[in-house]
Amino acid sequence: MHSTHDNLGDDGTNPLASVISGMPEVWQRLLEEHVPDNYGRCLACRNASTAGVPWPCTLQVIAADARAICLGAGELPPERGADDASAQCPAIR
C-alpha cells in the first residue's frame, strides 16, 4: 500500500507515528529496511507476487514522522546505523 495522508490525527500526524515515536528501535529499523530499490520501489514491501510499492511506502513515511516527533523537526541527525539504538527520545527520558 502506498502512503496517503488520509486518517491523520487532529494535529496532522499519523496516529501510528505518534505511538512508535517513543520506540526508537522500531522506527530506526523501519527506516533502515524500507529503502528504495533502483526502480524507486520499496525493497522491504516487495514479495514473490509483486515488485513492491512506490517508495516512500506507508511504513517509511510513518517511521520518518515518528523520528521527527521523537527528535523534533529541527534536530534530525543524519541517518544512523543499525547498532545506534541508543538514541532515545528526549520526551521519554
C-alpha atoms as a PDB file:
ATOM      1  CA  MET A   1       0.000   0.000   0.000  1.00  0.00           C
ATOM      2  CA  HIS A   2       1.373   3.394  -0.927  1.00  0.00           C
ATOM      3  CA  SER A   3       1.211   6.180   1.588  1.00  0.00           C
ATOM      4  CA  THR A   4      -1.535   8.753   1.520  1.00  0.00           C
ATOM      5  CA  HIS A   5      -2.267  11.398   4.060  1.00  0.00           C
ATOM      6  CA  ASP A   6      -5.723  10.095   4.953  1.00  0.00           C
ATOM      7  CA  ASN A   7      -6.737   9.360   8.524  1.00  0.00           C
ATOM      8  CA  LEU A   8      -4.364  11.833  10.136  1.00  0.00           C
ATOM      9  CA  GLY A   9      -4.893  12.910  13.715  1.00  0.00           C
ATOM     10  CA  ASP A  10      -6.158  16.331  14.717  1.00  0.00           C
ATOM     11  CA  ASP A  11      -2.591  17.622  14.814  1.00  0.00           C
ATOM     12  CA  GLY A  12      -1.900  16.415  11.254  1.00  0.00           C
ATOM     13  CA  THR A  13       0.249  13.449  12.259  1.00  0.00           C
ATOM     14  CA  ASN A  14      -0.371   9.800  11.687  1.00  0.00           C
ATOM     15  CA  PRO A  15      -1.581   8.201  14.951  1.00  0.00           C
ATOM     16  CA  LEU A  16       0.757   5.230  14.445  1.00  0.00           C
ATOM     17  CA  ALA A  17       3.718   7.610  14.111  1.00  0.00           C
ATOM     18  CA  SER A  18       2.767   9.097  17.460  1.00  0.00           C
ATOM     19  CA  VAL A  19       2.730   5.634  19.025  1.00  0.00           C
ATOM     20  CA  ILE A  20       6.080   4.444  17.650  1.00  0.00           C
ATOM     21  CA  SER A  21       7.809   7.792  18.235  1.00  0.00           C
ATOM     22  CA  GLY A  22       8.532   6.510  21.746  1.00  0.00           C
ATOM     23  CA  MET A  23      10.131   3.346  20.346  1.00  0.00           C
ATOM     24  CA  PRO A  24      13.346   4.466  18.608  1.00  0.00           C
ATOM     25  CA  GLU A  25      14.447   0.900  17.908  1.00  0.00           C
ATOM     26  CA  VAL A  26      11.231   0.359  15.903  1.00  0.00           C
ATOM     27  CA  TRP A  27      11.303   3.479  13.739  1.00  0.00           C
ATOM     28  CA  GLN A  28      15.070   3.164  13.183  1.00  0.00           C
ATOM     29  CA  ARG A  29      14.629  -0.394  11.934  1.00  0.00           C
ATOM     30  CA  LEU A  30      11.769   0.629   9.636  1.00  0.00           C
ATOM     31  CA  LEU A  31      13.872   3.455   8.184  1.00  0.00           C
ATOM     32  CA  GLU A  32      16.771   1.065   7.591  1.00  0.00           C
ATOM     33  CA  GLU A  33      14.668  -1.605   5.884  1.00  0.00           C
ATOM     34  CA  HIS A  34      12.171   0.459   3.874  1.00  0.00           C
ATOM     35  CA  VAL A  35      14.528   1.946   1.312  1.00  0.00           C
ATOM     36  CA  PRO A  36      14.107   2.403  -2.443  1.00  0.00           C
ATOM     37  CA  ASP A  37      15.497  -0.012  -4.997  1.00  0.00           C
ATOM     38  CA  ASN A  38      16.924   1.051  -8.372  1.00  0.00           C
ATOM     39  CA  TYR A  39      13.392   1.366  -9.761  1.00  0.00           C
ATOM     40  CA  GLY A  40      12.003   3.575  -6.986  1.00  0.00           C
ATOM     41  CA  ARG A  41      10.125   0.757  -5.244  1.00  0.00           C
ATOM     42  CA  CYS A  42      10.352  -0.189  -1.567  1.00  0.00           C
ATOM     43  CA  LEU A  43      12.702  -3.127  -1.004  1.00  0.00           C
ATOM     44  CA  ALA A  44      11.013  -4.273   2.213  1.00  0.00           C
ATOM     45  CA  CYS A  45       7.490  -4.187   0.781  1.00  0.00           C
ATOM     46  CA  ARG A  46       8.367  -6.444  -2.133  1.00  0.00           C
ATOM     47  CA  ASN A  47       7.134 -10.048  -2.109  1.00  0.00           C
ATOM     48  CA  ALA A  48       7.047 -13.003  -4.504  1.00  0.00           C
ATOM     49  CA  SER A  49       3.904 -11.825  -6.276  1.00  0.00           C
ATOM     50  CA  THR A  50       4.640  -8.113  -6.669  1.00  0.00           C
ATOM     51  CA  ALA A  51       7.517  -5.807  -7.497  1.00  0.00           C
ATOM     52  CA  GLY A  52       6.693  -3.729  -4.446  1.00  0.00           C
ATOM     53  CA  VAL A  53       5.073  -0.377  -3.924  1.00  0.00           C
ATOM     54  CA  PRO A  54       6.369   3.038  -4.907  1.00  0.00           C
ATOM     55  CA  TRP A  55       8.816   4.482  -2.401  1.00  0.00           C
ATOM     56  CA  PRO A  56       8.327   6.087   0.058  1.00  0.00           C
ATOM     57  CA  CYS A  57       5.939   3.413   1.273  1.00  0.00           C
ATOM     58  CA  THR A  58       3.470   3.888   4.095  1.00  0.00           C
ATOM     59  CA  LEU A  59       5.777   2.389   6.721  1.00  0.00           C
ATOM     60  CA  GLN A  60       8.718   4.564   5.666  1.00  0.00           C
ATOM     61  CA  VAL A  61       6.566   7.703   5.898  1.00  0.00           C
ATOM     62  CA  ILE A  62       5.229   6.675   9.319  1.00  0.00           C
ATOM     63  CA  ALA A  63       8.749   5.885  10.582  1.00  0.00           C
ATOM     64  CA  ALA A  64      10.085   9.222   9.313  1.00  0.00           C
ATOM     65  CA  ASP A  65       7.184  11.007  11.013  1.00  0.00           C
ATOM     66  CA  ALA A  66       7.860   9.092  14.249  1.00  0.00           C
ATOM     67  CA  ARG A  67      11.525  10.088  14.078  1.00  0.00           C
ATOM     68  CA  ALA A  68      10.550  13.733  13.594  1.00  0.00           C
ATOM     69  CA  ILE A  69       8.159  13.568  16.545  1.00  0.00           C
ATOM     70  CA  CYS A  70      10.793  11.905  18.723  1.00  0.00           C
ATOM     71  CA  LEU A  71      13.746  14.095  17.856  1.00  0.00           C
ATOM     72  CA  GLY A  72      11.980  17.286  16.863  1.00  0.00           C
ATOM     73  CA  ALA A  73      11.932  18.557  13.306  1.00  0.00           C
ATOM     74  CA  GLY A  74      14.880  20.909  13.889  1.00  0.00           C
ATOM     75  CA  GLU A  75      17.048  18.236  15.487  1.00  0.00           C
ATOM     76  CA  LEU A  76      17.051  15.473  12.864  1.00  0.00           C
ATOM     77  CA  PRO A  77      20.523  13.921  12.635  1.00  0.00           C
ATOM     78  CA  PRO A  78      21.930  12.162   9.588  1.00  0.00           C
ATOM     79  CA  GLU A  79      20.733   8.578   9.099  1.00  0.00           C
ATOM     80  CA  ARG A  80      22.161   6.210  11.701  1.00  0.00           C
ATOM     81  CA  GLY A  81      23.427   2.672  11.612  1.00  0.00           C
ATOM     82  CA  ALA A  82      21.545  -0.331  12.937  1.00  0.00           C
ATOM     83  CA  ASP A  83      23.558  -0.511  16.139  1.00  0.00           C
ATOM     84  CA  ASP A  84      22.705   3.056  17.183  1.00  0.00           C
ATOM     85  CA  ALA A  85      19.548   2.052  19.029  1.00  0.00           C
ATOM     86  CA  SER A  86      20.828   4.062  21.973  1.00  0.00           C
ATOM     87  CA  ALA A  87      19.145   7.185  20.576  1.00  0.00           C
ATOM     88  CA  GLN A  88      16.306   7.909  22.921  1.00  0.00           C
ATOM     89  CA  CYS A  89      13.528  10.420  22.615  1.00  0.00           C
ATOM     90  CA  PRO A  90      14.087  13.407  24.883  1.00  0.00           C
ATOM     91  CA  ALA A  91      10.408  13.252  25.799  1.00  0.00           C
ATOM     92  CA  ILE A  92      10.706   9.743  27.271  1.00  0.00           C
ATOM     93  CA  ARG A  93      13.998  10.046  29.165  1.00  0.00           C
END
